[in-house]
Protein backbone atom coordinates (compact mmCIF):
# COMPACT_ATOMS: atom_id res chain seq x y z
CA MET A 1 -24.41 99.30 -79.98
CA PRO A 2 -27.57 101.57 -79.25
CA ARG A 3 -30.89 99.91 -80.24
CA SER A 4 -33.93 102.07 -81.30
CA CYS A 5 -36.89 101.39 -79.15
CA ARG A 6 -40.03 100.36 -80.94
CA PRO A 7 -42.64 102.84 -81.75
CA TYR A 8 -45.97 103.07 -79.43
CA LYS A 9 -44.49 100.53 -77.02
CA ALA A 10 -44.07 102.63 -73.71
CA ARG A 11 -42.74 99.56 -71.84
CA THR A 12 -39.48 99.32 -74.08
CA LYS A 13 -38.77 103.25 -73.29
CA GLY A 14 -38.43 103.09 -69.21
CA LYS A 15 -37.50 106.46 -68.08
CA VAL A 16 -38.41 108.29 -71.08
CA GLU A 17 -42.07 107.41 -70.75
CA ARG A 18 -42.02 107.50 -67.02
CA PRO A 19 -42.76 111.30 -66.75
CA ILE A 20 -45.90 111.05 -68.85
CA ARG A 21 -47.48 108.73 -66.37
CA TYR A 22 -46.53 111.02 -63.45
CA ILE A 23 -47.89 113.97 -65.15
CA ARG A 24 -51.08 112.16 -66.16
CA GLU A 25 -51.59 110.80 -62.48
CA SER A 26 -50.11 113.63 -60.63
CA PHE A 27 -51.65 116.73 -62.47
CA PHE A 28 -54.39 115.71 -64.90
CA TYR A 29 -56.39 113.34 -62.94
CA GLY A 30 -59.53 114.96 -61.45
CA ARG A 31 -58.85 118.44 -62.87
CA SER A 32 -61.00 120.50 -64.97
CA SER A 33 -60.28 123.75 -66.80
CA ALA A 34 -62.31 126.45 -68.57
CA SER A 35 -59.75 127.16 -71.29
CA ASP A 36 -56.18 126.61 -72.43
CA ASP A 37 -55.08 129.83 -70.67
CA ASP A 38 -56.68 128.43 -67.57
CA LEU A 39 -54.85 124.82 -67.95
CA ASN A 40 -51.76 126.66 -68.55
CA ALA A 41 -51.98 128.64 -65.46
CA GLN A 42 -52.89 125.52 -63.49
CA ALA A 43 -50.13 123.81 -64.99
CA ALA A 44 -47.43 126.41 -63.98
CA GLY A 45 -48.72 126.44 -60.50
CA TRP A 46 -48.33 122.52 -60.33
CA LEU A 47 -44.95 122.83 -61.54
CA ASN A 48 -43.79 125.43 -58.83
CA HIS A 49 -45.54 124.17 -55.99
CA VAL A 50 -45.81 119.92 -56.65
CA ALA A 51 -43.54 118.60 -59.46
CA ASN A 52 -40.22 120.88 -59.18
CA VAL A 53 -40.21 120.73 -55.15
CA HIS A 54 -40.62 117.29 -54.25
CA ARG A 55 -37.54 115.00 -53.69
CA HIS A 56 -36.82 112.69 -56.65
CA GLY A 57 -36.64 109.01 -55.82
CA THR A 58 -33.26 108.38 -57.75
CA THR A 59 -31.33 111.29 -57.14
CA GLY A 60 -32.82 112.54 -53.74
CA GLU A 61 -32.49 115.98 -55.08
CA ARG A 62 -35.48 118.48 -55.79
CA PRO A 63 -35.46 118.97 -59.58
CA ALA A 64 -35.37 122.79 -59.35
CA ASP A 65 -32.48 122.55 -57.28
CA ARG A 66 -30.68 120.18 -59.57
CA PHE A 67 -31.73 122.38 -62.61
CA GLU A 68 -30.11 125.50 -60.96
CA ARG A 69 -27.10 123.71 -60.42
CA ASP A 70 -26.49 121.68 -63.42
CA GLU A 71 -28.52 122.90 -66.52
CA ARG A 72 -29.31 126.63 -66.30
CA ALA A 73 -25.67 127.28 -67.41
CA ALA A 74 -25.78 125.37 -70.43
CA LEU A 75 -28.92 126.98 -71.79
CA ARG A 76 -28.43 129.22 -74.74
CA PRO A 77 -30.46 132.36 -75.31
CA MET A 78 -33.50 132.05 -77.74
CA ALA A 79 -32.88 133.12 -81.37
CA GLY A 80 -33.48 136.60 -82.16
CA SER A 81 -35.58 135.96 -84.99
CA PRO A 82 -37.89 132.96 -85.96
CA TYR A 83 -36.36 130.21 -87.52
CA ARG A 84 -36.43 129.94 -91.58
CA ARG A 85 -39.80 128.87 -92.68
CA LEU A 86 -39.73 125.71 -94.34
CA GLY A 87 -41.66 126.02 -97.94
CA LEU A 88 -44.19 123.79 -98.99
CA ARG A 89 -43.66 122.30 -102.49
CA GLN A 90 -46.22 122.88 -104.87
CA ALA A 91 -48.21 119.76 -105.72
CA GLU A 92 -47.03 118.20 -109.04
CA GLU A 93 -49.35 117.64 -111.78
CA PRO A 94 -50.09 113.94 -111.49
CA GLU A 95 -48.92 111.89 -114.57
CA ARG A 96 -51.67 111.21 -117.28
CA ARG A 97 -52.19 107.54 -117.62
CA ARG A 98 -51.22 106.49 -121.18
CA ALA A 99 -52.82 103.90 -123.02
CA PRO A 100 -50.77 100.60 -123.03
CA ALA A 101 -48.02 100.68 -125.48
CA THR A 102 -48.22 98.71 -128.55
CA VAL A 103 -45.01 97.46 -130.26
CA GLU A 104 -45.08 96.80 -134.01
CA VAL A 105 -42.40 95.07 -136.11
CA GLU A 106 -42.11 95.95 -139.74
CA ARG A 107 -45.31 97.64 -139.18
CA ARG A 108 -46.94 94.48 -137.85
CA PRO A 109 -48.40 93.97 -134.56
CA LEU A 110 -46.63 91.35 -132.21
CA SER A 111 -49.97 89.26 -131.80
CA ILE A 112 -49.53 88.02 -135.25
CA TYR A 113 -46.05 86.39 -134.28
CA ALA A 114 -47.75 84.84 -131.39
CA GLU A 115 -50.34 83.46 -133.45
CA ALA A 116 -47.81 82.25 -135.84
CA LEU A 117 -46.04 80.08 -133.12
CA GLN A 118 -49.12 78.29 -132.33
């Protein structure tokens, strides 16, 4: 039976979290960028010249070759129009606090009965 991984615990996720470390150590360390566009351009170059052309340790294949062989045919075209927007609900008025309810029996408050029992 599958088990859920604990949130915020990278050590329990193994191969799912490993690419994050690879990207951090191989791409981000020692790199600076002037803007988001510059960083995106650097990332595209890194993907094309480093990440997708090295031999994978487990499969022994280049990721770009494996993608072309196994994955590209399974991709579907993007949607012609954007997805339906999710509407935000209007905030509801908070309920007004009511004074504690008082219970009266035959028009007498319950405190009278409590006093009578003593």
